[in-house]
PDB file of N, CA and C in Angstrom:
ATOM      1  N   MET A   1     154.458-212.950 -16.779  1.00  0.00           N
ATOM      2  CA  MET A   1     153.697-212.703 -17.976  1.00  0.00           C
ATOM      3  C   MET A   1     152.552-211.747 -17.633  1.00  0.00           C
ATOM      4  N   ARG A   2     152.491-210.604 -18.262  1.00  0.00           N
ATOM      5  CA  ARG A   2     151.423-209.637 -18.027  1.00  0.00           C
ATOM      6  C   ARG A   2     150.082-210.214 -18.439  1.00  0.00           C
ATOM      7  N   GLY A   3     149.076-209.935 -17.593  1.00  0.00           N
ATOM      8  CA  GLY A   3     147.743-210.383 -17.900  1.00  0.00           C
ATOM      9  C   GLY A   3     147.482-211.838 -17.532  1.00  0.00           C
ATOM     10  N   ALA A   4     148.457-212.505 -16.952  1.00  0.00           N
ATOM     11  CA  ALA A   4     148.279-213.894 -16.563  1.00  0.00           C
ATOM     12  C   ALA A   4     147.294-213.986 -15.400  1.00  0.00           C
ATOM     13  N   VAL A   5     146.654-215.116 -15.297  1.00  0.00           N
ATOM     14  CA  VAL A   5     145.740-215.357 -14.190  1.00  0.00           C
ATOM     15  C   VAL A   5     146.561-215.519 -12.920  1.00  0.00           C
ATOM     16  N   VAL A   6     146.152-214.796 -11.886  1.00  0.00           N
ATOM     17  CA  VAL A   6     146.851-214.849 -10.605  1.00  0.00           C
ATOM     18  C   VAL A   6     146.111-215.835  -9.702  1.00  0.00           C
ATOM     19  N   ARG A   7     146.833-216.777  -9.159  1.00  0.00           N
ATOM     20  CA  ARG A   7     146.237-217.747  -8.236  1.00  0.00           C
ATOM     21  C   ARG A   7     146.089-217.073  -6.873  1.00  0.00           C
ATOM     22  N   ARG A   8     144.883-217.114  -6.337  1.00  0.00           N
ATOM     23  CA  ARG A   8     144.616-216.481  -5.046  1.00  0.00           C
ATOM     24  C   ARG A   8     144.478-217.535  -3.951  1.00  0.00           C
ATOM     25  N   GLN A   9     144.761-217.108  -2.715  1.00  0.00           N
ATOM     26  CA  GLN A   9     144.584-217.978  -1.562  1.00  0.00           C
ATOM     27  C   GLN A   9     143.660-217.297  -0.563  1.00  0.00           C
ATOM     28  N   SER A  10     142.872-218.100   0.125  1.00  0.00           N
ATOM     29  CA  SER A  10     141.936-217.586   1.117  1.00  0.00           C
ATOM     30  C   SER A  10     142.683-216.983   2.304  1.00  0.00           C
ATOM     31  N   VAL A  11     142.055-215.970   2.901  1.00  0.00           N
ATOM     32  CA  VAL A  11     142.584-215.378   4.131  1.00  0.00           C
ATOM     33  C   VAL A  11     141.459-215.317   5.156  1.00  0.00           C
ATOM     34  N   ASP A  12     141.843-215.253   6.424  1.00  0.00           N
ATOM     35  CA  ASP A  12     140.877-215.177   7.517  1.00  0.00           C
ATOM     36  C   ASP A  12     140.510-213.715   7.733  1.00  0.00           C
ATOM     37  N   SER A  13     139.445-213.280   7.064  1.00  0.00           N
ATOM     38  CA  SER A  13     139.033-211.881   7.117  1.00  0.00           C
ATOM     39  C   SER A  13     137.535-211.790   6.894  1.00  0.00           C
ATOM     40  N   SER A  14     136.911-210.813   7.526  1.00  0.00           N
ATOM     41  CA  SER A  14     135.479-210.613   7.309  1.00  0.00           C
ATOM     42  C   SER A  14     135.211-209.798   6.043  1.00  0.00           C
ATOM     43  N   SER A  15     136.243-209.185   5.473  1.00  0.00           N
ATOM     44  CA  SER A  15     136.031-208.356   4.285  1.00  0.00           C
ATOM     45  C   SER A  15     136.755-208.863   3.032  1.00  0.00           C
ATOM     46  N   ILE A  16     137.807-209.654   3.200  1.00  0.00           N
ATOM     47  CA  ILE A  16     138.599-210.141   2.064  1.00  0.00           C
ATOM     48  C   ILE A  16     138.465-211.651   1.954  1.00  0.00           C
ATOM     49  N   GLU A  17     138.048-212.094   0.786  1.00  0.00           N
ATOM     50  CA  GLU A  17     137.872-213.525   0.525  1.00  0.00           C
ATOM     51  C   GLU A  17     139.209-214.188   0.192  1.00  0.00           C
ATOM     52  N   SER A  18     139.984-213.555  -0.719  1.00  0.00           N
ATOM     53  CA  SER A  18     141.238-214.170  -1.143  1.00  0.00           C
ATOM     54  C   SER A  18     142.227-213.116  -1.636  1.00  0.00           C
ATOM     55  N   VAL A  19     143.513-213.533  -1.631  1.00  0.00           N
ATOM     56  CA  VAL A  19     144.626-212.657  -1.997  1.00  0.00           C
ATOM     57  C   VAL A  19     145.501-213.383  -3.004  1.00  0.00           C
ATOM     58  N   GLY A  20     145.883-212.673  -4.063  1.00  0.00           N
ATOM     59  CA  GLY A  20     146.822-213.216  -5.033  1.00  0.00           C
ATOM     60  C   GLY A  20     147.923-212.205  -5.284  1.00  0.00           C
ATOM     61  N   TYR A  21     149.059-212.695  -5.783  1.00  0.00           N
ATOM     62  CA  TYR A  21     150.187-211.789  -6.025  1.00  0.00           C
ATOM     63  C   TYR A  21     150.987-212.266  -7.225  1.00  0.00           C
ATOM     64  N   ASP A  22     151.321-211.338  -8.109  1.00  0.00           N
ATOM     65  CA  ASP A  22     152.193-211.595  -9.241  1.00  0.00           C
ATOM     66  C   ASP A  22     153.501-210.863  -8.971  1.00  0.00           C
ATOM     67  N   ALA A  23     154.527-211.616  -8.564  1.00  0.00           N
ATOM     68  CA  ALA A  23     155.802-211.010  -8.181  1.00  0.00           C
ATOM     69  C   ALA A  23     156.488-210.326  -9.353  1.00  0.00           C
ATOM     70  N   GLU A  24     156.336-210.873 -10.551  1.00  0.00           N
ATOM     71  CA  GLU A  24     156.985-210.288 -11.726  1.00  0.00           C
ATOM     72  C   GLU A  24     156.460-208.877 -11.999  1.00  0.00           C
ATOM     73  N   ASP A  25     155.147-208.706 -11.896  1.00  0.00           N
ATOM     74  CA  ASP A  25     154.522-207.407 -12.161  1.00  0.00           C
ATOM     75  C   ASP A  25     154.292-206.580 -10.906  1.00  0.00           C
ATOM     76  N   GLN A  26     154.584-207.149  -9.746  1.00  0.00           N
ATOM     77  CA  GLN A  26     154.313-206.512  -8.452  1.00  0.00           C
ATOM     78  C   GLN A  26     152.848-206.063  -8.375  1.00  0.00           C
ATOM     79  N   THR A  27     151.957-206.997  -8.731  1.00  0.00           N
ATOM     80  CA  THR A  27     150.524-206.735  -8.728  1.00  0.00           C
ATOM     81  C   THR A  27     149.850-207.591  -7.672  1.00  0.00           C
ATOM     82  N   LEU A  28     149.140-206.937  -6.783  1.00  0.00           N
ATOM     83  CA  LEU A  28     148.373-207.600  -5.743  1.00  0.00           C
ATOM     84  C   LEU A  28     146.922-207.649  -6.193  1.00  0.00           C
ATOM     85  N   GLU A  29     146.303-208.807  -6.065  1.00  0.00           N
ATOM     86  CA  GLU A  29     144.907-208.953  -6.461  1.00  0.00           C
ATOM     87  C   GLU A  29     144.104-209.371  -5.240  1.00  0.00           C
ATOM     88  N   LEU A  30     143.054-208.609  -4.944  1.00  0.00           N
ATOM     89  CA  LEU A  30     142.204-208.903  -3.799  1.00  0.00           C
ATOM     90  C   LEU A  30     140.782-209.182  -4.258  1.00  0.00           C
ATOM     91  N   GLU A  31     140.220-210.267  -3.742  1.00  0.00           N
ATOM     92  CA  GLU A  31     138.806-210.569  -3.946  1.00  0.00           C
ATOM     93  C   GLU A  31     138.116-210.303  -2.619  1.00  0.00           C
ATOM     94  N   TYR A  32     137.143-209.411  -2.653  1.00  0.00           N
ATOM     95  CA  TYR A  32     136.408-209.058  -1.445  1.00  0.00           C
ATOM     96  C   TYR A  32     135.203-209.973  -1.281  1.00  0.00           C
ATOM     97  N   VAL A  33     134.690-210.079  -0.060  1.00  0.00           N
ATOM     98  CA  VAL A  33     133.563-210.969   0.206  1.00  0.00           C
ATOM     99  C   VAL A  33     132.315-210.551  -0.560  1.00  0.00           C
ATOM    100  N   ASN A  34     132.223-209.297  -0.964  1.00  0.00           N
ATOM    101  CA  ASN A  34     131.068-208.838  -1.747  1.00  0.00           C
ATOM    102  C   ASN A  34     131.176-209.217  -3.223  1.00  0.00           C
ATOM    103  N   GLY A  35     132.281-209.874  -3.603  1.00  0.00           N
ATOM    104  CA  GLY A  35     132.466-210.330  -4.975  1.00  0.00           C
ATOM    105  C   GLY A  35     133.355-209.444  -5.829  1.00  0.00           C
ATOM    106  N   GLY A  36     133.656-208.246  -5.368  1.00  0.00           N
ATOM    107  CA  GLY A  36     134.526-207.359  -6.123  1.00  0.00           C
ATOM    108  C   GLY A  36     135.960-207.851  -6.146  1.00  0.00           C
ATOM    109  N   VAL A  37     136.642-207.640  -7.267  1.00  0.00           N
ATOM    110  CA  VAL A  37     138.052-208.001  -7.400  1.00  0.00           C
ATOM    111  C   VAL A  37     138.806-206.753  -7.834  1.00  0.00           C
ATOM    112  N   TYR A  38     139.878-206.435  -7.116  1.00  0.00           N
ATOM    113  CA  TYR A  38     140.684-205.255  -7.395  1.00  0.00           C
ATOM    114  C   TYR A  38     142.137-205.649  -7.551  1.00  0.00           C
ATOM    115  N   LYS A  39     142.830-204.954  -8.459  1.00  0.00           N
ATOM    116  CA  LYS A  39     144.275-205.115  -8.625  1.00  0.00           C
ATOM    117  C   LYS A  39     144.948-203.842  -8.133  1.00  0.00           C
ATOM    118  N   TYR A  40     146.002-204.030  -7.347  1.00  0.00           N
ATOM    119  CA  TYR A  40     146.811-202.933  -6.810  1.00  0.00           C
ATOM    120  C   TYR A  40     148.191-203.059  -7.432  1.00  0.00           C
ATOM    121  N   PHE A  41     148.719-201.948  -7.925  1.00  0.00           N
ATOM    122  CA  PHE A  41     149.934-201.967  -8.743  1.00  0.00           C
ATOM    123  C   PHE A  41     151.155-201.428  -7.997  1.00  0.00           C
ATOM    124  N   GLY A  42     152.326-202.019  -8.303  1.00  0.00           N
ATOM    125  CA  GLY A  42     153.577-201.570  -7.713  1.00  0.00           C
ATOM    126  C   GLY A  42     153.746-201.977  -6.262  1.00  0.00           C
ATOM    127  N   VAL A  43     153.093-203.060  -5.867  1.00  0.00           N
ATOM    128  CA  VAL A  43     153.143-203.522  -4.474  1.00  0.00           C
ATOM    129  C   VAL A  43     154.358-204.440  -4.302  1.00  0.00           C
ATOM    130  N   PRO A  44     155.297-204.060  -3.445  1.00  0.00           N
ATOM    131  CA  PRO A  44     156.475-204.915  -3.226  1.00  0.00           C
ATOM    132  C   PRO A  44     156.080-206.240  -2.570  1.00  0.00           C
ATOM    133  N   GLU A  45     156.882-207.251  -2.814  1.00  0.00           N
ATOM    134  CA  GLU A  45     156.599-208.581  -2.271  1.00  0.00           C
ATOM    135  C   GLU A  45     156.527-208.579  -0.749  1.00  0.00           C
ATOM    136  N   PHE A  46     157.358-207.771  -0.084  1.00  0.00           N
ATOM    137  CA  PHE A  46     157.321-207.760   1.384  1.00  0.00           C
ATOM    138  C   PHE A  46     155.976-207.251   1.908  1.00  0.00           C
ATOM    139  N   VAL A  47     155.330-206.365   1.174  1.00  0.00           N
ATOM    140  CA  VAL A  47     154.006-205.878   1.584  1.00  0.00           C
ATOM    141  C   VAL A  47     152.982-207.003   1.431  1.00  0.00           C
ATOM    142  N   HIS A  48     153.079-207.751   0.366  1.00  0.00           N
ATOM    143  CA  HIS A  48     152.210-208.914   0.177  1.00  0.00           C
ATOM    144  C   HIS A  48     152.379-209.900   1.327  1.00  0.00           C
ATOM    145  N   ARG A  49     153.615-210.188   1.702  1.00  0.00           N
ATOM    146  CA  ARG A  49     153.875-211.117   2.814  1.00  0.00           C
ATOM    147  C   ARG A  49     153.314-210.578   4.122  1.00  0.00           C
ATOM    148  N   ARG A  50     153.471-209.275   4.355  1.00  0.00           N
ATOM    149  CA  ARG A  50     152.921-208.671   5.581  1.00  0.00           C
ATOM    150  C   ARG A  50     151.405-208.789   5.616  1.00  0.00           C
ATOM    151  N   LEU A  51     150.763-208.619   4.469  1.00  0.00           N
ATOM    152  CA  LEU A  51     149.316-208.778   4.404  1.00  0.00           C
ATOM    153  C   LEU A  51     148.914-210.202   4.784  1.00  0.00           C
ATOM    154  N   LEU A  52     149.607-211.196   4.228  1.00  0.00           N
ATOM    155  CA  LEU A  52     149.263-212.592   4.502  1.00  0.00           C
ATOM    156  C   LEU A  52     149.482-212.984   5.960  1.00  0.00           C
ATOM    157  N   THR A  53     150.391-212.322   6.636  1.00  0.00           N
ATOM    158  CA  THR A  53     150.674-212.662   8.037  1.00  0.00           C
ATOM    159  C   THR A  53     149.989-211.719   9.024  1.00  0.00           C
ATOM    160  N   SER A  54     149.232-210.789   8.518  1.00  0.00           N
ATOM    161  CA  SER A  54     148.541-209.831   9.381  1.00  0.00           C
ATOM    162  C   SER A  54     147.419-210.506  10.160  1.00  0.00           C
ATOM    163  N   ASP A  55     147.252-210.109  11.413  1.00  0.00           N
ATOM    164  CA  ASP A  55     146.137-210.596  12.224  1.00  0.00           C
ATOM    165  C   ASP A  55     144.814-210.016  11.742  1.00  0.00           C
ATOM    166  N   ARG A  56     144.880-208.876  11.075  1.00  0.00           N
ATOM    167  CA  ARG A  56     143.684-208.185  10.589  1.00  0.00           C
ATOM    168  C   ARG A  56     143.911-207.740   9.147  1.00  0.00           C
ATOM    169  N   PRO A  57     143.768-208.659   8.186  1.00  0.00           N
ATOM    170  CA  PRO A  57     144.045-208.325   6.784  1.00  0.00           C
ATOM    171  C   PRO A  57     143.235-207.134   6.262  1.00  0.00           C
ATOM    172  N   GLY A  58     141.965-207.037   6.629  1.00  0.00           N
ATOM    173  CA  GLY A  58     141.136-205.928   6.160  1.00  0.00           C
ATOM    174  C   GLY A  58     141.665-204.583   6.634  1.00  0.00           C
ATOM    175  N   ALA A  59     142.054-204.513   7.892  1.00  0.00           N
ATOM    176  CA  ALA A  59     142.617-203.277   8.443  1.00  0.00           C
ATOM    177  C   ALA A  59     143.949-202.955   7.775  1.00  0.00           C
ATOM    178  N   PHE A  60     144.763-203.982   7.497  1.00  0.00           N
ATOM    179  CA  PHE A  60     146.045-203.774   6.816  1.00  0.00           C
ATOM    180  C   PHE A  60     145.817-203.198   5.424  1.00  0.00           C
ATOM    181  N   VAL A  61     144.847-203.746   4.706  1.00  0.00           N
ATOM    182  CA  VAL A  61     144.538-203.236   3.366  1.00  0.00           C
ATOM    183  C   VAL A  61     144.113-201.778   3.450  1.00  0.00           C
ATOM    184  N   ASN A  62     143.246-201.449   4.386  1.00  0.00           N
ATOM    185  CA  ASN A  62     142.766-200.071   4.512  1.00  0.00           C
ATOM    186  C   ASN A  62     143.872-199.100   4.902  1.00  0.00           C
ATOM    187  N   SER A  63     144.762-199.498   5.795  1.00  0.00           N
ATOM    188  CA  SER A  63     145.769-198.566   6.293  1.00  0.00           C
ATOM    189  C   SER A  63     147.043-198.515   5.450  1.00  0.00           C
ATOM    190  N   VAL A  64     147.362-199.595   4.754  1.00  0.00           N
ATOM    191  CA  VAL A  64     148.623-199.645   3.999  1.00  0.00           C
ATOM    192  C   VAL A  64     148.393-199.710   2.485  1.00  0.00           C
ATOM    193  N   ILE A  65     147.610-200.656   2.040  1.00  0.00           N
ATOM    194  CA  ILE A  65     147.471-200.905   0.597  1.00  0.00           C
ATOM    195  C   ILE A  65     146.695-199.784  -0.096  1.00  0.00           C
ATOM    196  N   LYS A  66     145.483-199.518   0.362  1.00  0.00           N
ATOM    197  CA  LYS A  66     144.636-198.532  -0.319  1.00  0.00           C
ATOM    198  C   LYS A  66     145.232-197.137  -0.317  1.00  0.00           C
ATOM    199  N   ARG A  67     145.980-196.793   0.700  1.00  0.00           N
ATOM    200  CA  ARG A  67     146.556-195.446   0.816  1.00  0.00           C
ATOM    201  C   ARG A  67     147.801-195.228  -0.017  1.00  0.00           C
ATOM    202  N   ASN A  68     148.453-196.312  -0.407  1.00  0.00           N
ATOM    203  CA  ASN A  68     149.772-196.166  -1.023  1.00  0.00           C
ATOM    204  C   ASN A  68     149.915-196.688  -2.449  1.00  0.00           C
ATOM    205  N   TYR A  69     148.916-197.400  -2.958  1.00  0.00           N
ATOM    206  CA  TYR A  69     149.083-198.025  -4.265  1.00  0.00           C
ATOM    207  C   TYR A  69     147.883-197.747  -5.168  1.00  0.00           C
ATOM    208  N   GLU A  70     148.165-197.506  -6.432  1.00  0.00           N
ATOM    209  CA  GLU A  70     147.113-197.321  -7.421  1.00  0.00           C
ATOM    210  C   GLU A  70     146.390-198.635  -7.619  1.00  0.00           C
ATOM    211  N   PHE A  71     145.119-198.560  -7.960  1.00  0.00           N
ATOM    212  CA  PHE A  71     144.342-199.781  -8.150  1.00  0.00           C
ATOM    213  C   PHE A  71     143.262-199.568  -9.194  1.00  0.00           C
ATOM    214  N   ARG A  72     142.697-200.675  -9.609  1.00  0.00           N
ATOM    215  CA  ARG A  72     141.522-200.629 -10.478  1.00  0.00           C
ATOM    216  C   ARG A  72     140.686-201.872 -10.207  1.00  0.00           C
ATOM    217  N   GLU A  73     139.389-201.707 -10.397  1.00  0.00           N
ATOM    218  CA  GLU A  73     138.470-202.834 -10.225  1.00  0.00           C
ATOM    219  C   GLU A  73     138.512-203.668 -11.499  1.00  0.00           C
ATOM    220  N   VAL A  74     138.601-204.980 -11.342  1.00  0.00           N
ATOM    221  CA  VAL A  74     138.641-205.861 -12.499  1.00  0.00           C
ATOM    222  C   VAL A  74     137.393-206.738 -12.587  1.00  0.00           C
ATOM    223  N   ARG A  75     136.589-206.735 -11.510  1.00  0.00           N
ATOM    224  CA  ARG A  75     135.317-207.450 -11.536  1.00  0.00           C
ATOM    225  C   ARG A  75     134.426-206.922 -10.441  1.00  0.00           C
TER     226      ARG A  75
END
């Protein structure tokens, strides 16, 4: 369902507070420790899984997510 609330889970990162994913819309939602929330669009599920299993989620976001997917700030 578009626009549905995405449930996020905490990750071990100094820059990212939590990660959520909507598989139907392929939308990744990141909450940063500074309080900002961003949605990244067209993110395949395997990329979401790689982020969750990354030893360095912040570095993964910077090198893979931000460079390859459109996003917008939602809060």
